[in-house]
Amino acid sequence: MAGVVHMTTARDMGLVACTTCTKVWPIATERCERCGATLQSRDTQSLSRVWAWWVAGVMFYIPANMYPMLSTRTLLSTSEDTIVGGAVELIKYGSVGIAIIILVASVLIPIAKFLCIAYLALSVRRGTELSAGARFIMYELVEYIGRWSMIDVFVVAILSSLVQLNVAASINPGIASLSFALSVIFTMLSAQAFDSRLIWDRLDEDDVARAKHSDLEGAR
C-alpha cells in the first residue's frame, strides 16, 4: 500500500528511557541506575490522571471568568472587573496592547491548552489524521507555553502589593484570582501527566488509515 512508512521506536528495539534523566536502558530494567527513578515503557495510568487534572482545571476556569479578578477601591468608588471586563476597560483607556496581552494569556492560551490536551488524549485511543510528529510538537508547545497563563495572576499580585494607599486607594485580588491560579496549575499537571510516548504507539495504524484514505482519494 502506497504511503505507509514504518518507524522503529525504542520500545520495538527493547529499550526504555528514564523520564527523569533521559538515560536509556534495556526494557527489562526496573530502576534507573543513574537517578534511581522507576522505569516504565508506558505509563498505563497516564490518561486517567490527564483527564482528572483536565476536568479539575475546567471546573476552576469557569468561575475564574465569571467572578471579579481585581477589586479597585478609591475614595469615590469601588469597581470589580472580570478578566474580559478588565481588558475592555483597558481598551477604553487606550491601552490596547496590554488588553490584547491579557486576553491572549488569560483567555486564548488556557482555552487552547484545554482543547490541545483533550485532543492529544483522545487521539491516543481513537487515532487521528494528524501525524504523530505534529502531535508531539503540539504537546511540546502546550508544555512550554503553559506557565505563561499565570501572567494575569502575576499582574494582580504586583498591583495588590504596590497600590495600597490606605484610605485613598487600594487594589485587592478578586475571588477569581485563586480560581484562575488553580485552573492554570491543574492544566499544567494535566499536560505533565500525559505520557507522550503513547503518541507513537498508534503510528503504524494511523499511517495505514491515512494511506487508505489517500488511495481512495486517488481512485476518485
N, C-alpha and C. Protein backbone atom coordinates (compact mmCIF):
# COMPACT_ATOMS: atom_id res chain seq x y z
N MET A 1 0.85 -1.20 0.00
CA MET A 1 0.00 0.00 0.00
C MET A 1 0.88 1.24 0.00
N ALA A 2 0.59 2.17 -0.86
CA ALA A 2 1.41 3.37 -1.01
C ALA A 2 1.29 4.26 0.21
N GLY A 3 2.41 4.90 0.57
CA GLY A 3 2.38 5.92 1.61
C GLY A 3 2.57 5.40 3.03
N VAL A 4 2.70 4.07 3.22
CA VAL A 4 2.86 3.52 4.56
C VAL A 4 4.35 3.46 4.89
N VAL A 5 4.73 4.11 5.98
CA VAL A 5 6.12 4.14 6.41
C VAL A 5 6.19 3.61 7.83
N HIS A 6 7.00 2.57 8.04
CA HIS A 6 7.13 2.01 9.39
C HIS A 6 8.30 2.69 10.09
N MET A 7 8.06 3.13 11.32
CA MET A 7 9.10 3.77 12.11
C MET A 7 9.39 2.91 13.33
N THR A 8 10.64 2.57 13.55
CA THR A 8 11.04 1.76 14.68
C THR A 8 11.18 2.64 15.91
N THR A 9 10.50 2.25 16.98
CA THR A 9 10.55 3.01 18.22
C THR A 9 11.52 2.33 19.20
N ALA A 10 11.84 3.02 20.28
CA ALA A 10 12.73 2.46 21.30
C ALA A 10 12.11 1.20 21.90
N ARG A 11 10.79 1.20 22.03
CA ARG A 11 10.11 0.03 22.57
C ARG A 11 10.29 -1.18 21.66
N ASP A 12 10.23 -0.94 20.34
CA ASP A 12 10.44 -2.03 19.38
C ASP A 12 11.85 -2.60 19.49
N MET A 13 12.80 -1.76 19.89
CA MET A 13 14.20 -2.19 20.00
C MET A 13 14.53 -2.74 21.38
N GLY A 14 13.51 -2.83 22.24
CA GLY A 14 13.76 -3.37 23.58
C GLY A 14 14.44 -2.40 24.51
N LEU A 15 14.18 -1.09 24.33
CA LEU A 15 14.80 -0.07 25.16
C LEU A 15 13.74 0.78 25.85
N VAL A 16 14.11 1.38 26.95
CA VAL A 16 13.22 2.29 27.68
C VAL A 16 14.05 3.45 28.20
N ALA A 17 13.50 4.65 28.09
CA ALA A 17 14.21 5.84 28.55
C ALA A 17 13.68 6.28 29.91
N CYS A 18 14.56 6.74 30.75
CA CYS A 18 14.16 7.28 32.05
C CYS A 18 13.52 8.65 31.82
N THR A 19 12.31 8.84 32.32
CA THR A 19 11.62 10.12 32.10
C THR A 19 12.17 11.23 32.99
N THR A 20 13.05 10.88 33.94
CA THR A 20 13.64 11.87 34.83
C THR A 20 14.97 12.41 34.31
N CYS A 21 15.89 11.50 33.93
CA CYS A 21 17.22 11.93 33.48
C CYS A 21 17.49 11.60 32.01
N THR A 22 16.54 10.93 31.34
CA THR A 22 16.58 10.59 29.91
C THR A 22 17.60 9.51 29.56
N LYS A 23 18.22 8.88 30.53
CA LYS A 23 19.16 7.78 30.26
C LYS A 23 18.39 6.58 29.70
N VAL A 24 18.94 5.93 28.67
CA VAL A 24 18.28 4.79 28.03
C VAL A 24 18.82 3.48 28.61
N TRP A 25 17.87 2.57 28.91
CA TRP A 25 18.23 1.28 29.49
C TRP A 25 17.50 0.16 28.75
N PRO A 26 17.95 -1.09 28.91
CA PRO A 26 17.18 -2.23 28.38
C PRO A 26 15.79 -2.25 29.01
N ILE A 27 14.79 -2.67 28.25
CA ILE A 27 13.40 -2.56 28.69
C ILE A 27 13.10 -3.38 29.95
N ALA A 28 13.91 -4.39 30.24
CA ALA A 28 13.68 -5.21 31.44
C ALA A 28 14.18 -4.53 32.72
N THR A 29 14.93 -3.44 32.59
CA THR A 29 15.46 -2.73 33.75
C THR A 29 14.31 -2.08 34.52
N GLU A 30 14.26 -2.28 35.82
CA GLU A 30 13.16 -1.76 36.63
C GLU A 30 13.45 -0.39 37.22
N ARG A 31 14.72 -0.08 37.46
CA ARG A 31 15.07 1.20 38.09
C ARG A 31 16.30 1.80 37.42
N CYS A 32 16.25 3.11 37.21
CA CYS A 32 17.37 3.81 36.58
C CYS A 32 18.57 3.83 37.52
N GLU A 33 19.71 3.35 37.05
CA GLU A 33 20.90 3.30 37.88
C GLU A 33 21.58 4.67 38.01
N ARG A 34 21.17 5.62 37.17
CA ARG A 34 21.76 6.96 37.25
C ARG A 34 21.05 7.82 38.31
N CYS A 35 19.70 7.85 38.27
CA CYS A 35 18.96 8.74 39.18
C CYS A 35 18.06 7.99 40.16
N GLY A 36 17.89 6.69 39.96
CA GLY A 36 17.08 5.91 40.88
C GLY A 36 15.59 5.91 40.59
N ALA A 37 15.15 6.55 39.51
CA ALA A 37 13.72 6.61 39.18
C ALA A 37 13.23 5.27 38.65
N THR A 38 11.96 4.98 38.89
CA THR A 38 11.36 3.75 38.37
C THR A 38 11.16 3.86 36.87
N LEU A 39 11.51 2.82 36.13
CA LEU A 39 11.41 2.83 34.67
C LEU A 39 10.13 2.16 34.22
N GLN A 40 9.43 2.80 33.29
CA GLN A 40 8.23 2.25 32.68
C GLN A 40 8.25 2.54 31.19
N SER A 41 8.03 1.50 30.39
CA SER A 41 7.98 1.73 28.95
C SER A 41 6.80 2.61 28.59
N ARG A 42 5.66 2.36 29.24
CA ARG A 42 4.48 3.20 29.08
C ARG A 42 3.79 3.34 30.43
N ASP A 43 3.31 4.54 30.73
CA ASP A 43 2.56 4.77 31.96
C ASP A 43 1.10 4.44 31.69
N THR A 44 0.65 3.29 32.17
CA THR A 44 -0.71 2.82 31.86
C THR A 44 -1.79 3.67 32.52
N GLN A 45 -1.44 4.40 33.58
CA GLN A 45 -2.42 5.24 34.27
C GLN A 45 -2.36 6.70 33.81
N SER A 46 -1.57 6.95 32.80
CA SER A 46 -1.34 8.33 32.35
C SER A 46 -2.64 9.04 31.97
N LEU A 47 -3.44 8.41 31.13
CA LEU A 47 -4.65 9.08 30.63
C LEU A 47 -5.66 9.34 31.73
N SER A 48 -5.73 8.47 32.71
CA SER A 48 -6.66 8.68 33.83
C SER A 48 -6.29 9.95 34.59
N ARG A 49 -5.00 10.15 34.83
CA ARG A 49 -4.55 11.36 35.52
C ARG A 49 -4.74 12.59 34.65
N VAL A 50 -4.49 12.43 33.36
CA VAL A 50 -4.68 13.56 32.43
C VAL A 50 -6.11 14.08 32.51
N TRP A 51 -7.08 13.18 32.41
CA TRP A 51 -8.49 13.59 32.42
C TRP A 51 -8.92 14.12 33.79
N ALA A 52 -8.38 13.55 34.86
CA ALA A 52 -8.73 14.02 36.21
C ALA A 52 -8.27 15.47 36.41
N TRP A 53 -7.01 15.75 36.07
CA TRP A 53 -6.50 17.12 36.20
C TRP A 53 -7.18 18.05 35.21
N TRP A 54 -7.49 17.55 34.02
CA TRP A 54 -8.14 18.36 32.98
C TRP A 54 -9.52 18.82 33.44
N VAL A 55 -10.31 17.91 33.99
CA VAL A 55 -11.66 18.24 34.48
C VAL A 55 -11.57 19.26 35.62
N ALA A 56 -10.60 19.05 36.52
CA ALA A 56 -10.42 20.00 37.63
C ALA A 56 -10.06 21.39 37.11
N GLY A 57 -9.19 21.44 36.09
CA GLY A 57 -8.82 22.72 35.50
C GLY A 57 -9.99 23.44 34.87
N VAL A 58 -10.83 22.70 34.14
CA VAL A 58 -12.01 23.30 33.51
C VAL A 58 -12.98 23.81 34.57
N MET A 59 -13.18 23.04 35.63
CA MET A 59 -14.11 23.41 36.68
C MET A 59 -13.71 24.73 37.35
N PHE A 60 -12.42 24.95 37.54
CA PHE A 60 -11.95 26.18 38.17
C PHE A 60 -11.85 27.33 37.17
N TYR A 61 -11.73 27.01 35.88
CA TYR A 61 -11.61 28.07 34.88
C TYR A 61 -12.95 28.79 34.68
N ILE A 62 -14.05 28.10 34.86
CA ILE A 62 -15.37 28.72 34.67
C ILE A 62 -15.61 29.84 35.68
N PRO A 63 -15.48 29.61 37.00
CA PRO A 63 -15.64 30.74 37.93
C PRO A 63 -14.56 31.80 37.79
N ALA A 64 -13.40 31.41 37.29
CA ALA A 64 -12.32 32.38 37.09
C ALA A 64 -12.72 33.47 36.10
N ASN A 65 -13.64 33.14 35.19
CA ASN A 65 -14.10 34.13 34.20
C ASN A 65 -15.43 34.77 34.58
N MET A 66 -16.11 34.21 35.57
CA MET A 66 -17.41 34.74 35.97
C MET A 66 -17.30 35.75 37.11
N TYR A 67 -16.31 35.58 37.96
CA TYR A 67 -16.17 36.44 39.14
C TYR A 67 -15.04 37.45 38.95
N PRO A 68 -15.02 38.51 39.77
CA PRO A 68 -14.00 39.56 39.61
C PRO A 68 -12.58 39.05 39.85
N MET A 69 -11.67 39.46 38.99
CA MET A 69 -10.26 39.14 39.14
C MET A 69 -9.56 40.20 40.00
N LEU A 70 -10.07 41.43 39.93
CA LEU A 70 -9.43 42.56 40.59
C LEU A 70 -10.50 43.46 41.22
N SER A 71 -10.24 43.89 42.45
CA SER A 71 -11.15 44.81 43.13
C SER A 71 -10.40 46.11 43.41
N THR A 72 -10.88 47.21 42.82
CA THR A 72 -10.22 48.51 42.97
C THR A 72 -11.11 49.46 43.77
N ARG A 73 -10.56 50.00 44.85
CA ARG A 73 -11.33 50.90 45.71
C ARG A 73 -10.62 52.25 45.82
N THR A 74 -11.38 53.32 45.60
CA THR A 74 -10.89 54.68 45.78
C THR A 74 -11.82 55.42 46.73
N LEU A 75 -11.53 56.69 46.96
CA LEU A 75 -12.37 57.49 47.84
C LEU A 75 -13.79 57.64 47.30
N LEU A 76 -13.90 57.66 45.96
CA LEU A 76 -15.18 57.95 45.34
C LEU A 76 -15.93 56.71 44.87
N SER A 77 -15.23 55.64 44.59
CA SER A 77 -15.92 54.48 44.01
C SER A 77 -15.17 53.17 44.28
N THR A 78 -15.89 52.11 44.03
CA THR A 78 -15.32 50.76 44.11
C THR A 78 -15.72 50.00 42.86
N SER A 79 -14.74 49.39 42.19
CA SER A 79 -15.04 48.64 40.96
C SER A 79 -14.43 47.26 41.03
N GLU A 80 -15.14 46.31 40.44
CA GLU A 80 -14.66 44.94 40.35
C GLU A 80 -14.76 44.49 38.91
N ASP A 81 -13.66 43.96 38.38
CA ASP A 81 -13.61 43.59 36.97
C ASP A 81 -13.23 42.13 36.79
N THR A 82 -13.91 41.48 35.85
CA THR A 82 -13.52 40.13 35.44
C THR A 82 -12.33 40.25 34.48
N ILE A 83 -11.81 39.14 34.03
CA ILE A 83 -10.67 39.17 33.11
C ILE A 83 -11.04 39.92 31.83
N VAL A 84 -12.14 39.52 31.22
CA VAL A 84 -12.57 40.16 29.97
C VAL A 84 -12.99 41.60 30.22
N GLY A 85 -13.70 41.82 31.34
CA GLY A 85 -14.14 43.17 31.67
C GLY A 85 -12.97 44.12 31.88
N GLY A 86 -11.93 43.62 32.54
CA GLY A 86 -10.74 44.45 32.75
C GLY A 86 -10.04 44.77 31.44
N ALA A 87 -10.02 43.82 30.52
CA ALA A 87 -9.41 44.06 29.21
C ALA A 87 -10.20 45.10 28.43
N VAL A 88 -11.52 45.02 28.53
CA VAL A 88 -12.37 46.01 27.85
C VAL A 88 -12.13 47.41 28.41
N GLU A 89 -11.97 47.51 29.73
CA GLU A 89 -11.69 48.80 30.35
C GLU A 89 -10.34 49.35 29.87
N LEU A 90 -9.36 48.49 29.74
CA LEU A 90 -8.05 48.93 29.25
C LEU A 90 -8.14 49.46 27.83
N ILE A 91 -8.97 48.80 27.01
CA ILE A 91 -9.16 49.27 25.63
C ILE A 91 -9.80 50.66 25.62
N LYS A 92 -10.76 50.87 26.51
CA LYS A 92 -11.43 52.17 26.61
C LYS A 92 -10.45 53.29 26.96
N TYR A 93 -9.45 52.96 27.78
CA TYR A 93 -8.46 53.95 28.18
C TYR A 93 -7.27 54.02 27.24
N GLY A 94 -7.35 53.28 26.13
CA GLY A 94 -6.31 53.37 25.11
C GLY A 94 -5.17 52.38 25.24
N SER A 95 -5.22 51.50 26.24
CA SER A 95 -4.14 50.52 26.42
C SER A 95 -4.49 49.23 25.67
N VAL A 96 -4.55 49.34 24.35
CA VAL A 96 -4.97 48.20 23.52
C VAL A 96 -3.96 47.06 23.59
N GLY A 97 -2.68 47.40 23.54
CA GLY A 97 -1.64 46.37 23.56
C GLY A 97 -1.69 45.53 24.82
N ILE A 98 -1.82 46.18 25.98
CA ILE A 98 -1.89 45.45 27.25
C ILE A 98 -3.14 44.59 27.29
N ALA A 99 -4.25 45.12 26.79
CA ALA A 99 -5.50 44.36 26.77
C ALA A 99 -5.38 43.10 25.93
N ILE A 100 -4.70 43.23 24.79
CA ILE A 100 -4.51 42.07 23.91
C ILE A 100 -3.65 41.01 24.60
N ILE A 101 -2.58 41.45 25.29
CA ILE A 101 -1.72 40.51 26.01
C ILE A 101 -2.51 39.75 27.07
N ILE A 102 -3.35 40.48 27.83
CA ILE A 102 -4.15 39.84 28.88
C ILE A 102 -5.15 38.86 28.29
N LEU A 103 -5.80 39.24 27.20
CA LEU A 103 -6.78 38.36 26.58
C LEU A 103 -6.11 37.10 26.01
N VAL A 104 -4.95 37.28 25.40
CA VAL A 104 -4.24 36.12 24.84
C VAL A 104 -3.76 35.19 25.95
N ALA A 105 -3.14 35.77 27.00
CA ALA A 105 -2.56 34.96 28.07
C ALA A 105 -3.61 34.34 28.99
N SER A 106 -4.72 35.05 29.19
CA SER A 106 -5.70 34.60 30.18
C SER A 106 -6.94 33.96 29.58
N VAL A 107 -7.17 34.12 28.29
CA VAL A 107 -8.36 33.54 27.66
C VAL A 107 -7.97 32.59 26.53
N LEU A 108 -7.23 33.11 25.54
CA LEU A 108 -6.90 32.31 24.36
C LEU A 108 -6.01 31.12 24.70
N ILE A 109 -4.92 31.36 25.43
CA ILE A 109 -3.98 30.28 25.75
C ILE A 109 -4.61 29.20 26.63
N PRO A 110 -5.31 29.55 27.72
CA PRO A 110 -5.93 28.48 28.53
C PRO A 110 -6.93 27.64 27.75
N ILE A 111 -7.78 28.28 26.94
CA ILE A 111 -8.76 27.52 26.15
C ILE A 111 -8.04 26.64 25.13
N ALA A 112 -7.02 27.17 24.48
CA ALA A 112 -6.25 26.38 23.51
C ALA A 112 -5.59 25.19 24.20
N LYS A 113 -5.10 25.38 25.42
CA LYS A 113 -4.48 24.28 26.16
C LYS A 113 -5.50 23.19 26.47
N PHE A 114 -6.69 23.59 26.91
CA PHE A 114 -7.73 22.60 27.19
C PHE A 114 -8.04 21.77 25.94
N LEU A 115 -8.18 22.45 24.81
CA LEU A 115 -8.52 21.76 23.57
C LEU A 115 -7.38 20.85 23.11
N CYS A 116 -6.14 21.33 23.22
CA CYS A 116 -5.00 20.53 22.76
C CYS A 116 -4.80 19.29 23.62
N ILE A 117 -4.90 19.44 24.94
CA ILE A 117 -4.72 18.29 25.83
C ILE A 117 -5.81 17.26 25.59
N ALA A 118 -7.07 17.72 25.44
CA ALA A 118 -8.16 16.79 25.17
C ALA A 118 -7.95 16.09 23.84
N TYR A 119 -7.50 16.84 22.84
CA TYR A 119 -7.26 16.25 21.51
C TYR A 119 -6.17 15.18 21.58
N LEU A 120 -5.08 15.48 22.29
CA LEU A 120 -3.98 14.52 22.40
C LEU A 120 -4.43 13.25 23.12
N ALA A 121 -5.19 13.42 24.20
CA ALA A 121 -5.65 12.25 24.97
C ALA A 121 -6.60 11.39 24.14
N LEU A 122 -7.50 12.04 23.39
CA LEU A 122 -8.44 11.30 22.55
C LEU A 122 -7.74 10.63 21.37
N SER A 123 -6.73 11.29 20.83
CA SER A 123 -6.04 10.74 19.66
C SER A 123 -5.30 9.45 19.98
N VAL A 124 -4.88 9.30 21.24
CA VAL A 124 -4.17 8.09 21.65
C VAL A 124 -5.09 6.88 21.57
N ARG A 125 -6.37 7.08 21.87
CA ARG A 125 -7.33 5.98 21.87
C ARG A 125 -8.01 5.78 20.52
N ARG A 126 -8.33 6.88 19.86
CA ARG A 126 -9.16 6.79 18.66
C ARG A 126 -8.41 7.03 17.35
N GLY A 127 -7.20 7.49 17.43
CA GLY A 127 -6.47 7.81 16.21
C GLY A 127 -6.87 9.17 15.67
N THR A 128 -6.10 9.67 14.72
CA THR A 128 -6.36 11.00 14.16
C THR A 128 -5.67 11.14 12.82
N GLU A 129 -6.10 12.11 12.04
CA GLU A 129 -5.47 12.39 10.76
C GLU A 129 -4.13 13.11 10.93
N LEU A 130 -3.93 13.74 12.08
CA LEU A 130 -2.69 14.48 12.33
C LEU A 130 -1.56 13.50 12.62
N SER A 131 -0.41 13.73 12.04
CA SER A 131 0.72 12.81 12.19
C SER A 131 1.23 12.80 13.62
N ALA A 132 1.94 11.72 13.97
CA ALA A 132 2.49 11.59 15.31
C ALA A 132 3.49 12.71 15.60
N GLY A 133 4.30 13.06 14.60
CA GLY A 133 5.27 14.14 14.77
C GLY A 133 4.61 15.47 15.08
N ALA A 134 3.51 15.77 14.38
CA ALA A 134 2.79 17.02 14.60
C ALA A 134 2.16 17.04 15.98
N ARG A 135 1.63 15.89 16.42
CA ARG A 135 1.03 15.81 17.75
C ARG A 135 2.08 15.98 18.84
N PHE A 136 3.28 15.45 18.61
CA PHE A 136 4.34 15.60 19.60
C PHE A 136 4.76 17.07 19.70
N ILE A 137 4.83 17.76 18.58
CA ILE A 137 5.15 19.19 18.59
C ILE A 137 4.06 19.96 19.34
N MET A 138 2.80 19.57 19.12
CA MET A 138 1.69 20.19 19.84
C MET A 138 1.86 20.02 21.35
N TYR A 139 2.25 18.81 21.75
CA TYR A 139 2.45 18.52 23.17
C TYR A 139 3.59 19.39 23.74
N GLU A 140 4.69 19.51 23.01
CA GLU A 140 5.82 20.32 23.46
C GLU A 140 5.41 21.79 23.61
N LEU A 141 4.60 22.29 22.68
CA LEU A 141 4.13 23.68 22.76
C LEU A 141 3.25 23.89 23.98
N VAL A 142 2.34 22.94 24.23
CA VAL A 142 1.47 23.05 25.41
C VAL A 142 2.30 23.07 26.68
N GLU A 143 3.33 22.22 26.74
CA GLU A 143 4.20 22.18 27.90
C GLU A 143 4.96 23.50 28.08
N TYR A 144 5.40 24.07 26.95
CA TYR A 144 6.25 25.27 27.01
C TYR A 144 5.46 26.52 27.38
N ILE A 145 4.31 26.73 26.75
CA ILE A 145 3.57 27.98 26.96
C ILE A 145 2.64 27.92 28.16
N GLY A 146 2.51 26.76 28.79
CA GLY A 146 1.56 26.62 29.90
C GLY A 146 1.78 27.61 31.02
N ARG A 147 3.02 27.84 31.39
CA ARG A 147 3.33 28.71 32.52
C ARG A 147 2.95 30.17 32.27
N TRP A 148 2.89 30.57 30.99
CA TRP A 148 2.62 31.98 30.68
C TRP A 148 1.17 32.34 30.94
N SER A 149 0.30 31.37 31.18
CA SER A 149 -1.08 31.67 31.52
C SER A 149 -1.20 32.34 32.88
N MET A 150 -0.14 32.28 33.67
CA MET A 150 -0.17 32.87 35.01
C MET A 150 0.09 34.37 35.01
N ILE A 151 0.25 34.96 33.83
CA ILE A 151 0.60 36.38 33.76
C ILE A 151 -0.45 37.26 34.43
N ASP A 152 -1.74 36.89 34.30
CA ASP A 152 -2.80 37.67 34.92
C ASP A 152 -2.70 37.64 36.44
N VAL A 153 -2.37 36.47 36.98
CA VAL A 153 -2.22 36.35 38.43
C VAL A 153 -1.02 37.17 38.90
N PHE A 154 0.05 37.18 38.13
CA PHE A 154 1.23 37.97 38.50
C PHE A 154 0.90 39.47 38.51
N VAL A 155 0.14 39.91 37.52
CA VAL A 155 -0.25 41.33 37.46
C VAL A 155 -1.07 41.71 38.69
N VAL A 156 -2.04 40.86 39.05
CA VAL A 156 -2.87 41.13 40.22
C VAL A 156 -2.02 41.17 41.49
N ALA A 157 -1.09 40.24 41.62
CA ALA A 157 -0.23 40.19 42.80
C ALA A 157 0.64 41.44 42.91
N ILE A 158 1.20 41.88 41.77
CA ILE A 158 2.06 43.08 41.77
C ILE A 158 1.26 44.32 42.11
N LEU A 159 0.10 44.47 41.48
CA LEU A 159 -0.74 45.65 41.75
C LEU A 159 -1.21 45.68 43.20
N SER A 160 -1.57 44.52 43.73
CA SER A 160 -2.05 44.44 45.10
C SER A 160 -0.97 44.84 46.10
N SER A 161 0.27 44.51 45.80
CA SER A 161 1.36 44.85 46.71
C SER A 161 1.82 46.29 46.57
N LEU A 162 1.68 46.86 45.37
CA LEU A 162 2.17 48.22 45.12
C LEU A 162 1.14 49.30 45.44
N VAL A 163 -0.12 49.05 45.11
CA VAL A 163 -1.16 50.07 45.27
C VAL A 163 -1.94 49.82 46.56
N GLN A 164 -1.42 50.30 47.65
CA GLN A 164 -2.09 50.23 48.94
C GLN A 164 -1.90 51.58 49.63
N LEU A 165 -2.80 52.52 49.29
CA LEU A 165 -2.69 53.88 49.79
C LEU A 165 -3.69 54.14 50.91
N ASN A 166 -3.92 53.13 51.72
CA ASN A 166 -4.83 53.21 52.87
C ASN A 166 -6.22 53.69 52.47
N VAL A 167 -6.61 54.88 52.93
CA VAL A 167 -7.97 55.37 52.66
C VAL A 167 -8.10 55.83 51.21
N ALA A 168 -7.05 56.37 50.63
CA ALA A 168 -7.14 56.97 49.30
C ALA A 168 -7.47 55.94 48.22
N ALA A 169 -6.75 54.86 48.17
CA ALA A 169 -6.97 53.87 47.12
C ALA A 169 -6.32 52.54 47.50
N SER A 170 -6.88 51.47 46.98
CA SER A 170 -6.29 50.15 47.22
C SER A 170 -6.75 49.19 46.12
N ILE A 171 -5.91 48.24 45.81
CA ILE A 171 -6.24 47.20 44.83
C ILE A 171 -6.04 45.84 45.51
N ASN A 172 -7.05 45.01 45.42
CA ASN A 172 -7.01 43.70 46.07
C ASN A 172 -7.40 42.60 45.08
N PRO A 173 -6.87 41.40 45.28
CA PRO A 173 -7.25 40.29 44.41
C PRO A 173 -8.73 39.97 44.56
N GLY A 174 -9.37 39.63 43.45
CA GLY A 174 -10.76 39.23 43.48
C GLY A 174 -10.90 37.74 43.72
N ILE A 175 -12.13 37.28 43.81
CA ILE A 175 -12.40 35.86 44.06
C ILE A 175 -11.83 35.00 42.92
N ALA A 176 -11.88 35.54 41.71
CA ALA A 176 -11.47 34.76 40.54
C ALA A 176 -9.97 34.50 40.48
N SER A 177 -9.17 35.29 41.18
CA SER A 177 -7.71 35.14 41.08
C SER A 177 -7.26 33.77 41.58
N LEU A 178 -7.84 33.30 42.68
CA LEU A 178 -7.48 31.99 43.20
C LEU A 178 -7.97 30.88 42.26
N SER A 179 -9.20 31.03 41.75
CA SER A 179 -9.73 30.03 40.82
C SER A 179 -8.88 29.94 39.56
N PHE A 180 -8.46 31.10 39.06
CA PHE A 180 -7.66 31.12 37.84
C PHE A 180 -6.30 30.47 38.08
N ALA A 181 -5.67 30.79 39.21
CA ALA A 181 -4.37 30.20 39.52
C ALA A 181 -4.47 28.68 39.64
N LEU A 182 -5.52 28.20 40.31
CA LEU A 182 -5.72 26.75 40.44
C LEU A 182 -5.99 26.10 39.09
N SER A 183 -6.75 26.79 38.23
CA SER A 183 -7.03 26.26 36.91
C SER A 183 -5.75 26.09 36.09
N VAL A 184 -4.88 27.08 36.16
CA VAL A 184 -3.60 27.01 35.43
C VAL A 184 -2.74 25.87 35.97
N ILE A 185 -2.68 25.76 37.30
CA ILE A 185 -1.87 24.71 37.91
C ILE A 185 -2.39 23.32 37.53
N PHE A 186 -3.71 23.13 37.59
CA PHE A 186 -4.28 21.83 37.25
C PHE A 186 -4.08 21.49 35.77
N THR A 187 -4.15 22.51 34.92
CA THR A 187 -3.93 22.27 33.49
C THR A 187 -2.48 21.88 33.22
N MET A 188 -1.55 22.53 33.92
CA MET A 188 -0.14 22.17 33.78
C MET A 188 0.10 20.74 34.26
N LEU A 189 -0.54 20.35 35.36
CA LEU A 189 -0.40 18.98 35.86
C LEU A 189 -1.01 17.98 34.87
N SER A 190 -2.09 18.39 34.22
CA SER A 190 -2.72 17.52 33.22
C SER A 190 -1.78 17.28 32.05
N ALA A 191 -1.12 18.34 31.59
CA ALA A 191 -0.18 18.20 30.48
C ALA A 191 1.03 17.36 30.89
N GLN A 192 1.52 17.57 32.11
CA GLN A 192 2.69 16.81 32.58
C GLN A 192 2.36 15.34 32.82
N ALA A 193 1.09 15.05 33.12
CA ALA A 193 0.69 13.66 33.36
C ALA A 193 0.61 12.85 32.07
N PHE A 194 0.50 13.54 30.94
CA PHE A 194 0.37 12.85 29.66
C PHE A 194 1.69 12.19 29.28
N ASP A 195 1.65 10.90 29.03
CA ASP A 195 2.83 10.16 28.58
C ASP A 195 2.93 10.30 27.07
N SER A 196 3.82 11.19 26.61
CA SER A 196 3.92 11.49 25.18
C SER A 196 4.35 10.29 24.34
N ARG A 197 4.90 9.26 24.98
CA ARG A 197 5.31 8.06 24.25
C ARG A 197 4.11 7.31 23.69
N LEU A 198 2.93 7.53 24.29
CA LEU A 198 1.71 6.88 23.80
C LEU A 198 1.36 7.34 22.39
N ILE A 199 1.82 8.53 22.03
CA ILE A 199 1.54 9.06 20.69
C ILE A 199 2.07 8.13 19.61
N TRP A 200 3.24 7.54 19.87
CA TRP A 200 3.90 6.73 18.84
C TRP A 200 3.37 5.31 18.76
N ASP A 201 2.57 4.87 19.72
CA ASP A 201 2.05 3.50 19.71
C ASP A 201 1.06 3.26 18.60
N ARG A 202 0.34 4.31 18.17
CA ARG A 202 -0.65 4.17 17.12
C ARG A 202 -0.09 4.56 15.76
N LEU A 203 1.21 4.73 15.70
CA LEU A 203 1.83 5.27 14.48
C LEU A 203 1.53 4.42 13.26
N ASP A 204 1.75 3.11 13.36
CA ASP A 204 1.52 2.25 12.20
C ASP A 204 0.05 2.23 11.80
N GLU A 205 -0.87 2.16 12.78
CA GLU A 205 -2.29 2.13 12.48
C GLU A 205 -2.73 3.42 11.79
N ASP A 206 -2.24 4.56 12.30
CA ASP A 206 -2.62 5.85 11.72
C ASP A 206 -2.06 6.00 10.31
N ASP A 207 -0.82 5.52 10.09
CA ASP A 207 -0.23 5.61 8.76
C ASP A 207 -1.02 4.78 7.76
N VAL A 208 -1.45 3.59 8.18
CA VAL A 208 -2.25 2.74 7.30
C VAL A 208 -3.58 3.41 6.97
N ALA A 209 -4.21 4.01 7.98
CA ALA A 209 -5.50 4.68 7.77
C ALA A 209 -5.35 5.84 6.80
N ARG A 210 -4.26 6.63 6.97
CA ARG A 210 -4.04 7.76 6.06
C ARG A 210 -3.74 7.28 4.65
N ALA A 211 -3.00 6.18 4.54
CA ALA A 211 -2.68 5.64 3.22
C ALA A 211 -3.94 5.16 2.51
N LYS A 212 -4.83 4.50 3.24
CA LYS A 212 -6.09 4.05 2.65
C LYS A 212 -6.91 5.23 2.16
N HIS A 213 -6.94 6.29 2.98
CA HIS A 213 -7.69 7.49 2.59
C HIS A 213 -7.09 8.11 1.33
N SER A 214 -5.75 8.14 1.26
CA SER A 214 -5.10 8.70 0.07
C SER A 214 -5.37 7.87 -1.16
N ASP A 215 -5.37 6.54 -0.98
CA ASP A 215 -5.64 5.65 -2.12
C ASP A 215 -7.06 5.83 -2.63
N LEU A 216 -8.02 6.00 -1.72
CA LEU A 216 -9.41 6.21 -2.10
C LEU A 216 -9.58 7.54 -2.84
N GLU A 217 -8.88 8.57 -2.34
CA GLU A 217 -8.96 9.87 -3.00
C GLU A 217 -8.35 9.80 -4.39
N GLY A 218 -7.23 9.05 -4.50
CA GLY A 218 -6.59 8.91 -5.81
C GLY A 218 -7.43 8.14 -6.79
N ALA A 219 -8.19 7.15 -6.26
CA ALA A 219 -9.05 6.35 -7.15
C ALA A 219 -10.19 7.17 -7.71
N ARG A 220 -10.61 8.18 -6.97
CA ARG A 220 -11.70 9.04 -7.46
C ARG A 220 -11.24 9.93 -8.60
